[in-house]
Amino acid sequence: QVQLVESGGGLVEPGGSLRLSCAASGIMLKAYTMHWYRQGPGKQRELIANIFSDGVSYYDDSVKGRFTVSRDDVKNTMYLQMNSLKPEDTAVYYCNTVYKTQNSWGQGTQVTVSS
Protein backbone atom coordinates (compact mmCIF):
# COMPACT_ATOMS: atom_id res chain seq x y z
CA GLN A 1 0.00 0.00 0.00
CA VAL A 2 1.33 3.41 -0.98
CA GLN A 3 1.58 6.05 1.73
CA LEU A 4 2.64 9.63 1.13
CA VAL A 5 3.20 11.94 4.10
CA GLU A 6 3.80 15.66 3.63
CA SER A 7 5.45 17.88 6.22
CA GLY A 8 7.20 21.21 6.51
CA GLY A 9 4.34 23.64 6.11
CA GLY A 10 3.79 26.64 8.33
CA LEU A 11 3.40 30.39 8.56
CA VAL A 12 5.99 32.50 6.76
CA GLU A 13 6.27 36.17 5.87
CA PRO A 14 6.24 37.32 2.25
CA GLY A 15 9.66 36.84 0.72
CA GLY A 16 10.44 33.97 3.04
CA SER A 17 11.24 30.32 2.35
CA LEU A 18 9.98 26.91 3.32
CA ARG A 19 10.93 23.38 2.37
CA LEU A 20 8.20 20.80 2.13
CA SER A 21 8.86 17.07 2.33
CA CYS A 22 6.91 14.11 0.98
CA ALA A 23 8.00 10.84 2.54
CA ALA A 24 6.90 7.72 0.70
CA SER A 25 6.39 4.12 1.72
CA GLY A 26 5.18 1.23 -0.38
CA ILE A 27 6.89 2.50 -3.53
CA MET A 28 10.30 3.66 -4.68
CA LEU A 29 9.84 7.29 -5.62
CA LYS A 30 12.59 7.20 -8.20
CA ALA A 31 10.58 4.77 -10.33
CA TYR A 32 7.57 7.07 -10.69
CA THR A 33 6.60 10.55 -11.76
CA MET A 34 5.85 12.50 -8.60
CA HIS A 35 3.73 15.62 -8.41
CA TRP A 36 3.21 18.59 -6.12
CA TYR A 37 -0.27 20.12 -6.13
CA ARG A 38 -1.75 22.91 -4.09
CA GLN A 39 -5.24 24.10 -3.25
CA GLY A 40 -5.72 27.68 -2.17
CA PRO A 41 -8.76 28.96 -0.28
CA GLY A 42 -11.79 28.84 -2.56
CA LYS A 43 -9.72 27.50 -5.43
CA GLN A 44 -9.39 24.23 -7.29
CA ARG A 45 -6.44 21.96 -6.70
CA GLU A 46 -3.70 22.79 -9.20
CA LEU A 47 -0.55 21.04 -10.37
CA ILE A 48 2.54 23.13 -9.69
CA ALA A 49 5.52 20.81 -10.17
CA ASN A 50 6.57 17.35 -11.33
CA ILE A 51 9.71 15.33 -11.03
CA PHE A 52 10.05 12.46 -13.48
CA SER A 53 11.85 9.20 -12.83
CA ASP A 54 14.86 10.45 -14.78
CA GLY A 55 15.07 13.49 -12.50
CA VAL A 56 13.76 16.01 -15.00
CA SER A 57 11.39 18.51 -13.42
CA TYR A 58 8.51 20.64 -14.64
CA TYR A 59 7.06 23.80 -13.09
CA ASP A 60 3.91 25.78 -13.56
CA ASP A 61 4.56 29.39 -14.55
CA SER A 62 3.19 30.58 -11.21
CA VAL A 63 6.14 29.03 -9.33
CA LYS A 64 8.86 28.80 -11.97
CA GLY A 65 12.10 30.35 -10.78
CA ARG A 66 10.98 30.35 -7.13
CA PHE A 67 10.24 26.70 -6.35
CA THR A 68 12.51 23.70 -6.84
CA VAL A 69 11.48 20.07 -6.67
CA SER A 70 14.04 17.43 -5.77
CA ARG A 71 14.25 13.85 -4.60
CA ASP A 72 16.43 11.91 -2.17
CA ASP A 73 16.45 8.32 -3.37
CA VAL A 74 18.12 7.04 -0.20
CA LYS A 75 15.49 8.61 2.05
CA ASN A 76 12.74 7.89 -0.51
CA THR A 77 11.55 11.45 -0.02
CA MET A 78 10.60 14.25 -2.39
CA TYR A 79 11.10 17.89 -1.51
CA LEU A 80 9.72 21.23 -2.62
CA GLN A 81 12.00 24.16 -1.83
CA MET A 82 9.89 27.32 -1.92
CA ASN A 83 11.64 30.70 -2.04
CA SER A 84 10.39 34.26 -2.46
CA LEU A 85 7.01 33.23 -1.15
CA LYS A 86 4.01 35.41 -1.90
CA PRO A 87 0.62 35.68 -0.18
CA GLU A 88 -0.94 34.00 -3.22
CA ASP A 89 1.15 30.89 -2.47
CA THR A 90 -1.06 30.32 0.58
CA ALA A 91 -2.58 26.87 0.14
CA VAL A 92 -2.62 23.30 1.29
CA TYR A 93 0.19 21.50 -0.54
CA TYR A 94 -0.14 17.86 -1.55
CA CYS A 95 2.19 15.29 -3.06
CA ASN A 96 0.79 12.76 -5.47
CA THR A 97 1.63 9.85 -7.70
CA VAL A 98 -0.20 7.29 -9.75
CA TYR A 99 0.72 3.75 -8.74
CA LYS A 100 -0.79 0.83 -10.67
CA THR A 101 -3.60 3.12 -11.91
CA GLN A 102 -4.34 4.24 -8.32
CA ASN A 103 -4.12 7.96 -7.62
CA SER A 104 -2.29 8.29 -4.30
CA TRP A 105 -2.39 11.49 -2.23
CA GLY A 106 -0.85 12.61 0.99
CA GLN A 107 -2.88 14.35 3.68
CA GLY A 108 -1.52 17.77 2.75
CA THR A 109 0.44 20.42 4.62
CA GLN A 110 -0.74 23.99 5.11
CA VAL A 111 1.42 26.88 3.92
CA THR A 112 0.36 30.37 4.93
CA VAL A 113 2.22 33.40 3.62
CA SER A 114 1.29 36.49 5.58
CA SER A 115 2.82 39.40 7.43
C-alpha atoms as a PDB file:
ATOM      1  CA  GLN A   1       0.000   0.000   0.000  1.00  0.00           C
ATOM      2  CA  VAL A   2       1.331   3.414  -0.982  1.00  0.00           C
ATOM      3  CA  GLN A   3       1.584   6.051   1.728  1.00  0.00           C
ATOM      4  CA  LEU A   4       2.642   9.633   1.130  1.00  0.00           C
ATOM      5  CA  VAL A   5       3.201  11.940   4.100  1.00  0.00           C
ATOM      6  CA  GLU A   6       3.797  15.663   3.633  1.00  0.00           C
ATOM      7  CA  SER A   7       5.450  17.881   6.217  1.00  0.00           C
ATOM      8  CA  GLY A   8       7.195  21.210   6.508  1.00  0.00           C
ATOM      9  CA  GLY A   9       4.338  23.640   6.108  1.00  0.00           C
ATOM     10  CA  GLY A  10       3.786  26.637   8.332  1.00  0.00           C
ATOM     11  CA  LEU A  11       3.403  30.391   8.562  1.00  0.00           C
ATOM     12  CA  VAL A  12       5.989  32.500   6.763  1.00  0.00           C
ATOM     13  CA  GLU A  13       6.274  36.171   5.871  1.00  0.00           C
ATOM     14  CA  PRO A  14       6.235  37.324   2.250  1.00  0.00           C
ATOM     15  CA  GLY A  15       9.657  36.842   0.724  1.00  0.00           C
ATOM     16  CA  GLY A  16      10.444  33.974   3.038  1.00  0.00           C
ATOM     17  CA  SER A  17      11.243  30.325   2.348  1.00  0.00           C
ATOM     18  CA  LEU A  18       9.976  26.909   3.323  1.00  0.00           C
ATOM     19  CA  ARG A  19      10.934  23.380   2.368  1.00  0.00           C
ATOM     20  CA  LEU A  20       8.195  20.796   2.128  1.00  0.00           C
ATOM     21  CA  SER A  21       8.861  17.067   2.330  1.00  0.00           C
ATOM     22  CA  CYS A  22       6.911  14.113   0.977  1.00  0.00           C
ATOM     23  CA  ALA A  23       8.003  10.838   2.539  1.00  0.00           C
ATOM     24  CA  ALA A  24       6.897   7.716   0.702  1.00  0.00           C
ATOM     25  CA  SER A  25       6.394   4.117   1.725  1.00  0.00           C
ATOM     26  CA  GLY A  26       5.183   1.232  -0.380  1.00  0.00           C
ATOM     27  CA  ILE A  27       6.886   2.502  -3.530  1.00  0.00           C
ATOM     28  CA  MET A  28      10.300   3.656  -4.676  1.00  0.00           C
ATOM     29  CA  LEU A  29       9.836   7.294  -5.616  1.00  0.00           C
ATOM     30  CA  LYS A  30      12.595   7.196  -8.198  1.00  0.00           C
ATOM     31  CA  ALA A  31      10.582   4.774 -10.330  1.00  0.00           C
ATOM     32  CA  TYR A  32       7.568   7.070 -10.694  1.00  0.00           C
ATOM     33  CA  THR A  33       6.599  10.545 -11.757  1.00  0.00           C
ATOM     34  CA  MET A  34       5.854  12.500  -8.597  1.00  0.00           C
ATOM     35  CA  HIS A  35       3.730  15.621  -8.415  1.00  0.00           C
ATOM     36  CA  TRP A  36       3.207  18.586  -6.124  1.00  0.00           C
ATOM     37  CA  TYR A  37      -0.267  20.116  -6.126  1.00  0.00           C
ATOM     38  CA  ARG A  38      -1.751  22.913  -4.087  1.00  0.00           C
ATOM     39  CA  GLN A  39      -5.239  24.097  -3.252  1.00  0.00           C
ATOM     40  CA  GLY A  40      -5.716  27.685  -2.174  1.00  0.00           C
ATOM     41  CA  PRO A  41      -8.756  28.958  -0.282  1.00  0.00           C
ATOM     42  CA  GLY A  42     -11.785  28.842  -2.556  1.00  0.00           C
ATOM     43  CA  LYS A  43      -9.722  27.496  -5.435  1.00  0.00           C
ATOM     44  CA  GLN A  44      -9.393  24.228  -7.289  1.00  0.00           C
ATOM     45  CA  ARG A  45      -6.439  21.963  -6.698  1.00  0.00           C
ATOM     46  CA  GLU A  46      -3.696  22.788  -9.196  1.00  0.00           C
ATOM     47  CA  LEU A  47      -0.547  21.044 -10.366  1.00  0.00           C
ATOM     48  CA  ILE A  48       2.543  23.125  -9.687  1.00  0.00           C
ATOM     49  CA  ALA A  49       5.523  20.810 -10.165  1.00  0.00           C
ATOM     50  CA  ASN A  50       6.565  17.353 -11.326  1.00  0.00           C
ATOM     51  CA  ILE A  51       9.711  15.325 -11.035  1.00  0.00           C
ATOM     52  CA  PHE A  52      10.052  12.463 -13.477  1.00  0.00           C
ATOM     53  CA  SER A  53      11.846   9.196 -12.832  1.00  0.00           C
ATOM     54  CA  ASP A  54      14.864  10.449 -14.778  1.00  0.00           C
ATOM     55  CA  GLY A  55      15.066  13.489 -12.499  1.00  0.00           C
ATOM     56  CA  VAL A  56      13.758  16.012 -15.005  1.00  0.00           C
ATOM     57  CA  SER A  57      11.392  18.513 -13.422  1.00  0.00           C
ATOM     58  CA  TYR A  58       8.506  20.645 -14.640  1.00  0.00           C
ATOM     59  CA  TYR A  59       7.062  23.801 -13.091  1.00  0.00           C
ATOM     60  CA  ASP A  60       3.911  25.784 -13.558  1.00  0.00           C
ATOM     61  CA  ASP A  61       4.557  29.386 -14.551  1.00  0.00           C
ATOM     62  CA  SER A  62       3.188  30.584 -11.213  1.00  0.00           C
ATOM     63  CA  VAL A  63       6.135  29.032  -9.329  1.00  0.00           C
ATOM     64  CA  LYS A  64       8.859  28.805 -11.973  1.00  0.00           C
ATOM     65  CA  GLY A  65      12.097  30.354 -10.779  1.00  0.00           C
ATOM     66  CA  ARG A  66      10.980  30.351  -7.130  1.00  0.00           C
ATOM     67  CA  PHE A  67      10.238  26.696  -6.353  1.00  0.00           C
ATOM     68  CA  THR A  68      12.514  23.696  -6.838  1.00  0.00           C
ATOM     69  CA  VAL A  69      11.480  20.065  -6.671  1.00  0.00           C
ATOM     70  CA  SER A  70      14.043  17.428  -5.766  1.00  0.00           C
ATOM     71  CA  ARG A  71      14.249  13.855  -4.595  1.00  0.00           C
ATOM     72  CA  ASP A  72      16.435  11.915  -2.167  1.00  0.00           C
ATOM     73  CA  ASP A  73      16.449   8.324  -3.367  1.00  0.00           C
ATOM     74  CA  VAL A  74      18.119   7.044  -0.200  1.00  0.00           C
ATOM     75  CA  LYS A  75      15.488   8.614   2.054  1.00  0.00           C
ATOM     76  CA  ASN A  76      12.740   7.890  -0.509  1.00  0.00           C
ATOM     77  CA  THR A  77      11.554  11.447  -0.022  1.00  0.00           C
ATOM     78  CA  MET A  78      10.602  14.247  -2.387  1.00  0.00           C
ATOM     79  CA  TYR A  79      11.102  17.891  -1.512  1.00  0.00           C
ATOM     80  CA  LEU A  80       9.715  21.233  -2.617  1.00  0.00           C
ATOM     81  CA  GLN A  81      11.999  24.163  -1.832  1.00  0.00           C
ATOM     82  CA  MET A  82       9.890  27.325  -1.921  1.00  0.00           C
ATOM     83  CA  ASN A  83      11.645  30.699  -2.038  1.00  0.00           C
ATOM     84  CA  SER A  84      10.391  34.259  -2.464  1.00  0.00           C
ATOM     85  CA  LEU A  85       7.011  33.230  -1.145  1.00  0.00           C
ATOM     86  CA  LYS A  86       4.008  35.406  -1.903  1.00  0.00           C
ATOM     87  CA  PRO A  87       0.619  35.678  -0.183  1.00  0.00           C
ATOM     88  CA  GLU A  88      -0.938  33.997  -3.224  1.00  0.00           C
ATOM     89  CA  ASP A  89       1.147  30.893  -2.472  1.00  0.00           C
ATOM     90  CA  THR A  90      -1.058  30.321   0.582  1.00  0.00           C
ATOM     91  CA  ALA A  91      -2.578  26.869   0.140  1.00  0.00           C
ATOM     92  CA  VAL A  92      -2.620  23.297   1.286  1.00  0.00           C
ATOM     93  CA  TYR A  93       0.190  21.499  -0.539  1.00  0.00           C
ATOM     94  CA  TYR A  94      -0.136  17.859  -1.546  1.00  0.00           C
ATOM     95  CA  CYS A  95       2.195  15.292  -3.065  1.00  0.00           C
ATOM     96  CA  ASN A  96       0.788  12.763  -5.468  1.00  0.00           C
ATOM     97  CA  THR A  97       1.633   9.854  -7.697  1.00  0.00           C
ATOM     98  CA  VAL A  98      -0.196   7.285  -9.750  1.00  0.00           C
ATOM     99  CA  TYR A  99       0.724   3.754  -8.742  1.00  0.00           C
ATOM    100  CA  LYS A 100      -0.787   0.834 -10.668  1.00  0.00           C
ATOM    101  CA  THR A 101      -3.602   3.125 -11.906  1.00  0.00           C
ATOM    102  CA  GLN A 102      -4.339   4.241  -8.323  1.00  0.00           C
ATOM    103  CA  ASN A 103      -4.124   7.956  -7.624  1.00  0.00           C
ATOM    104  CA  SER A 104      -2.288   8.292  -4.305  1.00  0.00           C
ATOM    105  CA  TRP A 105      -2.393  11.490  -2.235  1.00  0.00           C
ATOM    106  CA  GLY A 106      -0.847  12.606   0.993  1.00  0.00           C
ATOM    107  CA  GLN A 107      -2.877  14.349   3.683  1.00  0.00           C
ATOM    108  CA  GLY A 108      -1.517  17.774   2.749  1.00  0.00           C
ATOM    109  CA  THR A 109       0.441  20.422   4.617  1.00  0.00           C
ATOM    110  CA  GLN A 110      -0.743  23.995   5.114  1.00  0.00           C
ATOM    111  CA  VAL A 111       1.416  26.877   3.924  1.00  0.00           C
ATOM    112  CA  THR A 112       0.359  30.367   4.931  1.00  0.00           C
ATOM    113  CA  VAL A 113       2.217  33.404   3.617  1.00  0.00           C
ATOM    114  CA  SER A 114       1.289  36.487   5.583  1.00  0.00           C
ATOM    115  CA  SER A 115       2.824  39.405   7.428  1.00  0.00           C
END
